[in-house]
Amino acid sequence: MMRVLVLALCLAGMFLSGASNAQVVERRVFVLWDSSVTARWRDTFAHLMLEMPLNRLGYVVEPVDVARKLPDVSTFDGARAVISWLEADTVPDARAAFGFIDAATARGLRFVQIGDAAYLRGRDGSASVTNAEANRVFARVGFRLAEDFVRLTFDVEILRKDSAMVEFERPLDRVLPPYPVWRPLDTRTRSLLVLRRQGQPETESHVVMLGPGGGLASFGYSHFYEPELKRRQWRIDPFAFLTAALGAGEGPVPDVTTLVGRRIYFSHIDGDGW
C-alpha cells in the first residue's frame, strides 16, 4: 500500500511539474482582407489559397476585415502573426489598417506581406502613410520599401532566384510584372528573388524575401491567376515560405486528417451521370 502511495505522489509531482512548464502554442494568425473589394471571405485569395497551407502548418486563421472597425491588438492572446493579402491597391482607411499592423508587430507578432501594400494608401489614392512611417514597421520584419516603382520590365534581369521557392507551381513569365523596390535591411534576411533593369542599379528589388520577423512576396510574384478559367497557381512554395516566415515547427502541430485520434474518411457520390 505504501509503494502505491509513493508512486501516486511521484506521478502527481511529475504532472504538476509538467503543468508549471507548459506554454501556450501561438496558433492564431490574423489575415487582412477587404470586404469592400471581395464581399465574402470565402471568395478571397487568402481563403482559397492561403488558409489550407496555414492549417497544414497548425495555424488557425482569423480574418480581419479592413473595411470594418479593427479589433484591439491588446486582446490577441496566443497570436502568432498578421498576414496582409489585400486584393486592391488601396483600402478604405489606410491609417487604421496600418495602425493595426504597427500595433501587432510592436507586440512581437510576425508580419507577412503578400501582394500589394494597399494599407499604405486610402481610397482616394493618396499616400496616407509616409515611407518613413512604413519603413519603421518594416524594419521589425527585416526589409524596407524604397519610393521607386519599376513599370517597364522588358529589360529586367534576374540577379538571384531560388527556383524551388519562387517557381513552385508556375515558372516566372518571360515578361515580368511591374514591381516596387524592396530592399533587405537585416543581415539575417534571405532574398529569394532579386530583379534589376539592365544598367540601372537603383531599380534593384528583392521582391521575395524572408526576414527574421516575417516575409514578403510582392504583387505578381506570389501567385498566378487566370480570370477566364479561374485558375490559381502558386509561384512561391507556400508551405516552405510560411514555415520560414512564421517560424513553424517550433511545437506540436495538429494532424488535419484526424479527428479525436481517428483517421477521417471522405466519400463523395456524384449524381451527374444519372
C-alpha atoms as a PDB file:
ATOM      1  CA  MET A   1       0.000   0.000   0.000  1.00  0.00           C
ATOM      2  CA  MET A   2       2.869   2.340   0.861  1.00  0.00           C
ATOM      3  CA  ARG A   3       4.505   1.667  -2.525  1.00  0.00           C
ATOM      4  CA  VAL A   4       1.275   2.561  -4.330  1.00  0.00           C
ATOM      5  CA  LEU A   5       1.016   5.805  -2.349  1.00  0.00           C
ATOM      6  CA  VAL A   6       4.622   6.745  -3.105  1.00  0.00           C
ATOM      7  CA  LEU A   7       4.102   6.008  -6.815  1.00  0.00           C
ATOM      8  CA  ALA A   8       0.940   8.142  -6.875  1.00  0.00           C
ATOM      9  CA  LEU A   9       2.772  11.034  -5.218  1.00  0.00           C
ATOM     10  CA  CYS A  10       5.642  10.779  -7.717  1.00  0.00           C
ATOM     11  CA  LEU A  11       3.263  10.759 -10.673  1.00  0.00           C
ATOM     12  CA  ALA A  12       1.377  13.740  -9.266  1.00  0.00           C
ATOM     13  CA  GLY A  13       4.647  15.612  -8.871  1.00  0.00           C
ATOM     14  CA  MET A  14       5.601  14.855 -12.467  1.00  0.00           C
ATOM     15  CA  PHE A  15       2.262  16.096 -13.777  1.00  0.00           C
ATOM     16  CA  LEU A  16       2.391  19.251 -11.655  1.00  0.00           C
ATOM     17  CA  SER A  17       5.952  19.950 -12.771  1.00  0.00           C
ATOM     18  CA  GLY A  18       4.971  19.493 -16.419  1.00  0.00           C
ATOM     19  CA  ALA A  19       1.964  21.764 -15.997  1.00  0.00           C
ATOM     20  CA  SER A  20       4.101  24.518 -14.484  1.00  0.00           C
ATOM     21  CA  ASN A  21       6.426  24.421 -17.529  1.00  0.00           C
ATOM     22  CA  ALA A  22       3.625  24.293 -20.082  1.00  0.00           C
ATOM     23  CA  GLN A  23       3.466  27.057 -22.665  1.00  0.00           C
ATOM     24  CA  VAL A  24       0.631  28.175 -24.900  1.00  0.00           C
ATOM     25  CA  VAL A  25       1.355  27.444 -28.564  1.00  0.00           C
ATOM     26  CA  GLU A  26       0.705  30.567 -30.622  1.00  0.00           C
ATOM     27  CA  ARG A  27      -1.610  29.305 -33.359  1.00  0.00           C
ATOM     28  CA  ARG A  28      -3.773  32.327 -34.225  1.00  0.00           C
ATOM     29  CA  VAL A  29      -2.906  34.095 -37.482  1.00  0.00           C
ATOM     30  CA  PHE A  30      -4.789  37.250 -38.450  1.00  0.00           C
ATOM     31  CA  VAL A  31      -5.249  37.738 -42.189  1.00  0.00           C
ATOM     32  CA  LEU A  32      -6.218  41.167 -43.513  1.00  0.00           C
ATOM     33  CA  TRP A  33      -8.898  41.276 -46.231  1.00  0.00           C
ATOM     34  CA  ASP A  34     -11.234  43.925 -47.640  1.00  0.00           C
ATOM     35  CA  SER A  35     -14.962  43.201 -47.891  1.00  0.00           C
ATOM     36  CA  SER A  36     -15.471  46.354 -49.961  1.00  0.00           C
ATOM     37  CA  VAL A  37     -13.468  44.640 -52.736  1.00  0.00           C
ATOM     38  CA  THR A  38     -14.468  40.996 -52.219  1.00  0.00           C
ATOM     39  CA  ALA A  39     -17.780  40.763 -50.387  1.00  0.00           C
ATOM     40  CA  ARG A  40     -17.295  37.286 -48.890  1.00  0.00           C
ATOM     41  CA  TRP A  41     -14.241  35.918 -47.114  1.00  0.00           C
ATOM     42  CA  ARG A  42     -14.806  32.539 -48.778  1.00  0.00           C
ATOM     43  CA  ASP A  43     -14.175  34.146 -52.205  1.00  0.00           C
ATOM     44  CA  THR A  44     -10.856  35.789 -51.321  1.00  0.00           C
ATOM     45  CA  PHE A  45      -7.487  34.502 -52.478  1.00  0.00           C
ATOM     46  CA  ALA A  46      -6.479  34.447 -48.819  1.00  0.00           C
ATOM     47  CA  HIS A  47      -9.136  31.816 -48.104  1.00  0.00           C
ATOM     48  CA  LEU A  48      -8.919  29.890 -51.384  1.00  0.00           C
ATOM     49  CA  MET A  49      -5.118  29.639 -51.462  1.00  0.00           C
ATOM     50  CA  LEU A  50      -3.576  30.647 -48.143  1.00  0.00           C
ATOM     51  CA  GLU A  51      -5.764  29.170 -45.439  1.00  0.00           C
ATOM     52  CA  MET A  52      -5.106  25.499 -46.261  1.00  0.00           C
ATOM     53  CA  PRO A  53      -1.282  25.780 -46.053  1.00  0.00           C
ATOM     54  CA  LEU A  54      -1.644  27.667 -42.775  1.00  0.00           C
ATOM     55  CA  ASN A  55      -3.947  24.960 -41.388  1.00  0.00           C
ATOM     56  CA  ARG A  56      -1.498  22.311 -42.552  1.00  0.00           C
ATOM     57  CA  LEU A  57       1.216  24.027 -40.510  1.00  0.00           C
ATOM     58  CA  GLY A  58      -1.028  24.064 -37.429  1.00  0.00           C
ATOM     59  CA  TYR A  59      -2.304  27.641 -37.542  1.00  0.00           C
ATOM     60  CA  VAL A  60      -5.866  28.880 -37.111  1.00  0.00           C
ATOM     61  CA  VAL A  61      -6.848  31.710 -39.465  1.00  0.00           C
ATOM     62  CA  GLU A  62      -8.880  34.635 -38.139  1.00  0.00           C
ATOM     63  CA  PRO A  63      -9.932  37.032 -40.931  1.00  0.00           C
ATOM     64  CA  VAL A  64      -9.694  40.764 -40.167  1.00  0.00           C
ATOM     65  CA  ASP A  65     -11.825  42.961 -42.430  1.00  0.00           C
ATOM     66  CA  VAL A  66     -10.119  46.321 -43.048  1.00  0.00           C
ATOM     67  CA  ALA A  67     -13.448  47.756 -44.277  1.00  0.00           C
ATOM     68  CA  ARG A  68     -14.826  47.494 -40.734  1.00  0.00           C
ATOM     69  CA  LYS A  69     -13.687  48.543 -37.286  1.00  0.00           C
ATOM     70  CA  LEU A  70     -10.480  46.701 -36.497  1.00  0.00           C
ATOM     71  CA  PRO A  71     -10.101  44.723 -33.256  1.00  0.00           C
ATOM     72  CA  ASP A  72      -7.892  45.766 -30.362  1.00  0.00           C
ATOM     73  CA  VAL A  73      -4.473  44.141 -30.665  1.00  0.00           C
ATOM     74  CA  SER A  74      -4.045  44.057 -26.868  1.00  0.00           C
ATOM     75  CA  THR A  75      -6.607  41.239 -26.715  1.00  0.00           C
ATOM     76  CA  PHE A  76      -4.664  38.986 -29.089  1.00  0.00           C
ATOM     77  CA  ASP A  77      -3.568  36.236 -26.720  1.00  0.00           C
ATOM     78  CA  GLY A  78      -1.963  33.259 -28.429  1.00  0.00           C
ATOM     79  CA  ALA A  79      -1.467  35.186 -31.689  1.00  0.00           C
ATOM     80  CA  ARG A  80       1.478  34.361 -33.929  1.00  0.00           C
ATOM     81  CA  ALA A  81       1.330  36.703 -36.901  1.00  0.00           C
ATOM     82  CA  VAL A  82      -0.517  39.128 -39.127  1.00  0.00           C
ATOM     83  CA  ILE A  83      -0.661  38.450 -42.861  1.00  0.00           C
ATOM     84  CA  SER A  84      -1.781  41.049 -45.388  1.00  0.00           C
ATOM     85  CA  TRP A  85      -3.245  39.774 -48.662  1.00  0.00           C
ATOM     86  CA  LEU A  86      -5.375  42.635 -49.980  1.00  0.00           C
ATOM     87  CA  GLU A  87      -6.802  42.370 -53.495  1.00  0.00           C
ATOM     88  CA  ALA A  88      -6.715  46.091 -54.353  1.00  0.00           C
ATOM     89  CA  ASP A  89      -4.002  48.725 -54.178  1.00  0.00           C
ATOM     90  CA  THR A  90      -5.918  50.889 -51.676  1.00  0.00           C
ATOM     91  CA  VAL A  91      -8.065  50.394 -48.570  1.00  0.00           C
ATOM     92  CA  PRO A  92     -10.970  52.407 -47.091  1.00  0.00           C
ATOM     93  CA  ASP A  93      -8.963  53.606 -44.063  1.00  0.00           C
ATOM     94  CA  ALA A  94      -5.218  53.272 -44.553  1.00  0.00           C
ATOM     95  CA  ARG A  95      -4.296  54.843 -41.207  1.00  0.00           C
ATOM     96  CA  ALA A  96      -6.402  52.314 -39.307  1.00  0.00           C
ATOM     97  CA  ALA A  97      -5.133  49.325 -41.294  1.00  0.00           C
ATOM     98  CA  PHE A  98      -1.501  50.379 -40.972  1.00  0.00           C
ATOM     99  CA  GLY A  99      -2.014  51.161 -37.297  1.00  0.00           C
ATOM    100  CA  PHE A 100      -3.244  47.604 -36.767  1.00  0.00           C
ATOM    101  CA  ILE A 101      -0.064  46.190 -38.346  1.00  0.00           C
ATOM    102  CA  ASP A 102       2.093  48.632 -36.377  1.00  0.00           C
ATOM    103  CA  ALA A 103       0.498  47.667 -33.064  1.00  0.00           C
ATOM    104  CA  ALA A 104       0.708  43.937 -33.823  1.00  0.00           C
ATOM    105  CA  THR A 105       4.392  43.957 -34.799  1.00  0.00           C
ATOM    106  CA  ALA A 106       5.188  46.175 -31.798  1.00  0.00           C
ATOM    107  CA  ARG A 107       3.803  43.373 -29.615  1.00  0.00           C
ATOM    108  CA  GLY A 108       6.179  40.913 -31.300  1.00  0.00           C
ATOM    109  CA  LEU A 109       3.804  39.350 -33.816  1.00  0.00           C
ATOM    110  CA  ARG A 110       5.366  38.375 -37.118  1.00  0.00           C
ATOM    111  CA  PHE A 111       4.230  40.085 -40.306  1.00  0.00           C
ATOM    112  CA  VAL A 112       3.908  38.663 -43.821  1.00  0.00           C
ATOM    113  CA  GLN A 113       3.179  40.847 -46.828  1.00  0.00           C
ATOM    114  CA  ILE A 114       1.636  39.084 -49.834  1.00  0.00           C
ATOM    115  CA  GLY A 115       0.766  41.195 -52.857  1.00  0.00           C
ATOM    116  CA  ASP A 116       0.464  44.958 -52.770  1.00  0.00           C
ATOM    117  CA  ALA A 117       0.982  47.076 -49.641  1.00  0.00           C
ATOM    118  CA  ALA A 118      -2.511  48.521 -50.037  1.00  0.00           C
ATOM    119  CA  TYR A 119      -2.700  49.567 -46.377  1.00  0.00           C
ATOM    120  CA  LEU A 120      -0.386  52.492 -47.221  1.00  0.00           C
ATOM    121  CA  ARG A 121      -2.934  54.270 -49.438  1.00  0.00           C
ATOM    122  CA  GLY A 122      -6.522  55.415 -48.934  1.00  0.00           C
ATOM    123  CA  ARG A 123      -9.358  55.030 -51.411  1.00  0.00           C
ATOM    124  CA  ASP A 124      -8.596  58.415 -52.964  1.00  0.00           C
ATOM    125  CA  GLY A 125      -5.175  57.075 -53.932  1.00  0.00           C
ATOM    126  CA  SER A 126      -3.256  59.426 -51.680  1.00  0.00           C
ATOM    127  CA  ALA A 127      -0.333  58.151 -49.627  1.00  0.00           C
ATOM    128  CA  SER A 128      -1.926  58.071 -46.183  1.00  0.00           C
ATOM    129  CA  VAL A 129       1.241  56.614 -44.635  1.00  0.00           C
ATOM    130  CA  THR A 130       4.675  58.092 -45.317  1.00  0.00           C
ATOM    131  CA  ASN A 131       7.597  55.965 -46.435  1.00  0.00           C
ATOM    132  CA  ALA A 132       9.381  56.734 -43.177  1.00  0.00           C
ATOM    133  CA  GLU A 133       6.407  55.502 -41.137  1.00  0.00           C
ATOM    134  CA  ALA A 134       6.099  52.362 -43.221  1.00  0.00           C
ATOM    135  CA  ASN A 135       9.798  51.521 -43.001  1.00  0.00           C
ATOM    136  CA  ARG A 136       9.754  51.968 -39.234  1.00  0.00           C
ATOM    137  CA  VAL A 137       7.398  48.975 -39.119  1.00  0.00           C
ATOM    138  CA  PHE A 138       9.017  47.035 -41.977  1.00  0.00           C
ATOM    139  CA  ALA A 139      12.344  47.266 -40.140  1.00  0.00           C
ATOM    140  CA  ARG A 140      10.888  44.952 -37.480  1.00  0.00           C
ATOM    141  CA  VAL A 141      10.478  42.321 -40.178  1.00  0.00           C
ATOM    142  CA  GLY A 142      13.845  42.844 -41.859  1.00  0.00           C
ATOM    143  CA  PHE A 143      13.261  44.901 -45.016  1.00  0.00           C
ATOM    144  CA  ARG A 144      12.349  48.361 -46.261  1.00  0.00           C
ATOM    145  CA  LEU A 145      10.406  49.926 -49.121  1.00  0.00           C
ATOM    146  CA  ALA A 146      12.009  52.478 -51.446  1.00  0.00           C
ATOM    147  CA  GLU A 147       9.961  55.173 -53.162  1.00  0.00           C
ATOM    148  CA  ASP A 148      10.803  53.880 -56.651  1.00  0.00           C
ATOM    149  CA  PHE A 149       8.463  51.739 -58.760  1.00  0.00           C
ATOM    150  CA  VAL A 150       9.534  49.883 -61.917  1.00  0.00           C
ATOM    151  CA  ARG A 151       6.788  49.872 -64.542  1.00  0.00           C
ATOM    152  CA  LEU A 152       8.784  48.897 -67.646  1.00  0.00           C
ATOM    153  CA  THR A 153      10.236  45.419 -67.262  1.00  0.00           C
ATOM    154  CA  PHE A 154      11.227  44.489 -70.827  1.00  0.00           C
ATOM    155  CA  ASP A 155      14.922  44.659 -69.910  1.00  0.00           C
ATOM    156  CA  VAL A 156      14.709  43.385 -66.339  1.00  0.00           C
ATOM    157  CA  GLU A 157      17.259  40.737 -65.452  1.00  0.00           C
ATOM    158  CA  ILE A 158      17.099  38.197 -62.649  1.00  0.00           C
ATOM    159  CA  LEU A 159      20.061  38.648 -60.321  1.00  0.00           C
ATOM    160  CA  ARG A 160      19.121  35.902 -57.884  1.00  0.00           C
ATOM    161  CA  LYS A 161      16.463  33.204 -57.926  1.00  0.00           C
ATOM    162  CA  ASP A 162      15.667  30.319 -55.602  1.00  0.00           C
ATOM    163  CA  SER A 163      13.667  28.288 -58.124  1.00  0.00           C
ATOM    164  CA  ALA A 164      12.334  25.849 -55.560  1.00  0.00           C
ATOM    165  CA  MET A 165      10.848  28.715 -53.581  1.00  0.00           C
ATOM    166  CA  VAL A 166       9.638  31.115 -56.293  1.00  0.00           C
ATOM    167  CA  GLU A 167       8.624  28.755 -59.122  1.00  0.00           C
ATOM    168  CA  PHE A 168       6.645  26.225 -57.105  1.00  0.00           C
ATOM    169  CA  GLU A 169       3.617  25.594 -59.378  1.00  0.00           C
ATOM    170  CA  ARG A 170       4.382  28.006 -62.224  1.00  0.00           C
ATOM    171  CA  PRO A 171       7.645  29.396 -63.611  1.00  0.00           C
ATOM    172  CA  LEU A 172       8.244  33.108 -63.933  1.00  0.00           C
ATOM    173  CA  ASP A 173       6.959  34.693 -67.119  1.00  0.00           C
ATOM    174  CA  ARG A 174       9.353  35.960 -69.779  1.00  0.00           C
ATOM    175  CA  VAL A 175       7.991  39.481 -69.331  1.00  0.00           C
ATOM    176  CA  LEU A 176       7.911  40.074 -65.592  1.00  0.00           C
ATOM    177  CA  PRO A 177       5.216  42.068 -63.760  1.00  0.00           C
ATOM    178  CA  PRO A 178       5.946  45.647 -62.634  1.00  0.00           C
ATOM    179  CA  TYR A 179       7.310  45.854 -59.122  1.00  0.00           C
ATOM    180  CA  PRO A 180       8.011  48.223 -56.220  1.00  0.00           C
ATOM    181  CA  VAL A 181      11.577  48.447 -54.984  1.00  0.00           C
ATOM    182  CA  TRP A 182      12.070  46.436 -51.805  1.00  0.00           C
ATOM    183  CA  ARG A 183      15.428  46.107 -50.076  1.00  0.00           C
ATOM    184  CA  PRO A 184      16.685  43.887 -47.246  1.00  0.00           C
ATOM    185  CA  LEU A 185      17.520  45.681 -44.027  1.00  0.00           C
ATOM    186  CA  ASP A 186      18.823  42.882 -41.837  1.00  0.00           C
ATOM    187  CA  THR A 187      21.792  40.574 -42.372  1.00  0.00           C
ATOM    188  CA  ARG A 188      19.527  37.637 -41.483  1.00  0.00           C
ATOM    189  CA  THR A 189      17.100  38.425 -44.323  1.00  0.00           C
ATOM    190  CA  ARG A 190      17.132  35.884 -47.159  1.00  0.00           C
ATOM    191  CA  SER A 191      16.494  37.228 -50.664  1.00  0.00           C
ATOM    192  CA  LEU A 192      14.764  34.578 -52.776  1.00  0.00           C
ATOM    193  CA  LEU A 193      14.160  36.615 -55.936  1.00  0.00           C
ATOM    194  CA  VAL A 194      16.121  39.736 -56.912  1.00  0.00           C
ATOM    195  CA  LEU A 195      15.409  41.781 -60.059  1.00  0.00           C
ATOM    196  CA  ARG A 196      17.009  44.798 -61.749  1.00  0.00           C
ATOM    197  CA  ARG A 197      16.745  46.700 -65.006  1.00  0.00           C
ATOM    198  CA  GLN A 198      19.945  46.398 -67.005  1.00  0.00           C
ATOM    199  CA  GLY A 199      22.396  49.154 -66.158  1.00  0.00           C
ATOM    200  CA  GLN A 200      20.094  50.722 -63.558  1.00  0.00           C
ATOM    201  CA  PRO A 201      21.217  49.662 -60.056  1.00  0.00           C
ATOM    202  CA  GLU A 202      18.601  51.903 -58.414  1.00  0.00           C
ATOM    203  CA  THR A 203      15.877  49.581 -59.796  1.00  0.00           C
ATOM    204  CA  GLU A 204      17.203  46.538 -57.931  1.00  0.00           C
ATOM    205  CA  SER A 205      14.376  44.992 -55.913  1.00  0.00           C
ATOM    206  CA  HIS A 206      14.199  41.948 -53.651  1.00  0.00           C
ATOM    207  CA  VAL A 207      10.610  41.042 -54.483  1.00  0.00           C
ATOM    208  CA  VAL A 208      10.522  37.813 -52.431  1.00  0.00           C
ATOM    209  CA  MET A 209      12.254  37.804 -49.039  1.00  0.00           C
ATOM    210  CA  LEU A 210      12.264  36.025 -45.706  1.00  0.00           C
ATOM    211  CA  GLY A 211      13.221  38.176 -42.747  1.00  0.00           C
ATOM    212  CA  PRO A 212      13.728  37.438 -39.048  1.00  0.00           C
ATOM    213  CA  GLY A 213      10.266  38.881 -38.342  1.00  0.00           C
ATOM    214  CA  GLY A 214       8.251  37.555 -41.282  1.00  0.00           C
ATOM    215  CA  GLY A 215       8.312  37.629 -45.061  1.00  0.00           C
ATOM    216  CA  LEU A 216       7.418  39.371 -48.306  1.00  0.00           C
ATOM    217  CA  ALA A 217       6.099  38.192 -51.676  1.00  0.00           C
ATOM    218  CA  SER A 218       5.447  41.201 -53.877  1.00  0.00           C
ATOM    219  CA  PHE A 219       2.428  41.571 -56.179  1.00  0.00           C
ATOM    220  CA  GLY A 220       2.746  39.378 -59.265  1.00  0.00           C
ATOM    221  CA  TYR A 221       5.419  37.180 -57.681  1.00  0.00           C
ATOM    222  CA  SER A 222       3.378  35.347 -55.042  1.00  0.00           C
ATOM    223  CA  HIS A 223       0.851  33.603 -57.312  1.00  0.00           C
ATOM    224  CA  PHE A 224      -0.625  33.452 -60.809  1.00  0.00           C
ATOM    225  CA  TYR A 225      -4.302  33.876 -61.640  1.00  0.00           C
ATOM    226  CA  GLU A 226      -6.088  33.330 -64.949  1.00  0.00           C
ATOM    227  CA  PRO A 227      -9.527  35.018 -64.608  1.00  0.00           C
ATOM    228  CA  GLU A 228     -11.130  33.382 -67.652  1.00  0.00           C
ATOM    229  CA  LEU A 229     -10.598  29.890 -66.280  1.00  0.00           C
ATOM    230  CA  LYS A 230     -10.377  30.991 -62.643  1.00  0.00           C
ATOM    231  CA  ARG A 231      -7.144  29.064 -62.430  1.00  0.00           C
ATOM    232  CA  ARG A 232      -4.886  29.811 -59.474  1.00  0.00           C
ATOM    233  CA  GLN A 233      -1.291  28.683 -59.124  1.00  0.00           C
ATOM    234  CA  TRP A 234       1.321  29.445 -56.520  1.00  0.00           C
ATOM    235  CA  ARG A 235       4.605  30.926 -57.622  1.00  0.00           C
ATOM    236  CA  ILE A 236       6.098  30.776 -54.121  1.00  0.00           C
ATOM    237  CA  ASP A 237       6.106  27.495 -52.234  1.00  0.00           C
ATOM    238  CA  PRO A 238       3.502  28.367 -49.580  1.00  0.00           C
ATOM    239  CA  PHE A 239       4.498  25.568 -47.211  1.00  0.00           C
ATOM    240  CA  ALA A 240       8.230  26.336 -47.162  1.00  0.00           C
ATOM    241  CA  PHE A 241       7.673  30.100 -47.316  1.00  0.00           C
ATOM    242  CA  LEU A 242       5.196  30.207 -44.428  1.00  0.00           C
ATOM    243  CA  THR A 243       7.239  27.744 -42.382  1.00  0.00           C
ATOM    244  CA  ALA A 244      10.198  30.104 -42.514  1.00  0.00           C
ATOM    245  CA  ALA A 245       8.219  33.357 -42.276  1.00  0.00           C
ATOM    246  CA  LEU A 246       6.159  32.256 -39.271  1.00  0.00           C
ATOM    247  CA  GLY A 247       8.773  30.111 -37.583  1.00  0.00           C
ATOM    248  CA  ALA A 248       6.678  26.949 -37.869  1.00  0.00           C
ATOM    249  CA  GLY A 249       7.961  23.686 -36.487  1.00  0.00           C
ATOM    250  CA  GLU A 250       8.577  25.033 -33.003  1.00  0.00           C
ATOM    251  CA  GLY A 251       5.833  22.966 -31.378  1.00  0.00           C
ATOM    252  CA  PRO A 252       3.310  20.181 -31.882  1.00  0.00           C
ATOM    253  CA  VAL A 253       1.070  20.507 -34.949  1.00  0.00           C
ATOM    254  CA  PRO A 254      -2.451  19.044 -35.077  1.00  0.00           C
ATOM    255  CA  ASP A 255      -2.988  16.402 -37.733  1.00  0.00           C
ATOM    256  CA  VAL A 256      -5.597  17.882 -40.073  1.00  0.00           C
ATOM    257  CA  THR A 257      -6.506  14.399 -41.332  1.00  0.00           C
ATOM    258  CA  THR A 258      -7.649  13.065 -37.953  1.00  0.00           C
ATOM    259  CA  LEU A 259     -10.498  13.695 -35.559  1.00  0.00           C
ATOM    260  CA  VAL A 260     -10.421  12.541 -31.892  1.00  0.00           C
ATOM    261  CA  GLY A 261      -7.475  10.322 -32.757  1.00  0.00           C
ATOM    262  CA  ARG A 262      -9.097   8.598 -35.717  1.00  0.00           C
ATOM    263  CA  ARG A 263      -8.349   8.987 -39.398  1.00  0.00           C
ATOM    264  CA  ILE A 264     -11.029  10.897 -41.295  1.00  0.00           C
ATOM    265  CA  TYR A 265     -12.508   9.179 -44.336  1.00  0.00           C
ATOM    266  CA  PHE A 266     -14.285  11.208 -47.009  1.00  0.00           C
ATOM    267  CA  SER A 267     -16.593   9.716 -49.609  1.00  0.00           C
ATOM    268  CA  HIS A 268     -18.299  11.591 -52.437  1.00  0.00           C
ATOM    269  CA  ILE A 269     -21.003  10.255 -54.754  1.00  0.00           C
ATOM    270  CA  ASP A 270     -21.647  12.370 -57.837  1.00  0.00           C
ATOM    271  CA  GLY A 271     -25.074  12.073 -59.478  1.00  0.00           C
ATOM    272  CA  ASP A 272     -24.361  13.898 -62.734  1.00  0.00           C
ATOM    273  CA  GLY A 273     -24.320  10.688 -64.723  1.00  0.00           C
ATOM    274  CA  TRP A 274     -27.818   9.710 -63.658  1.00  0.00           C
END
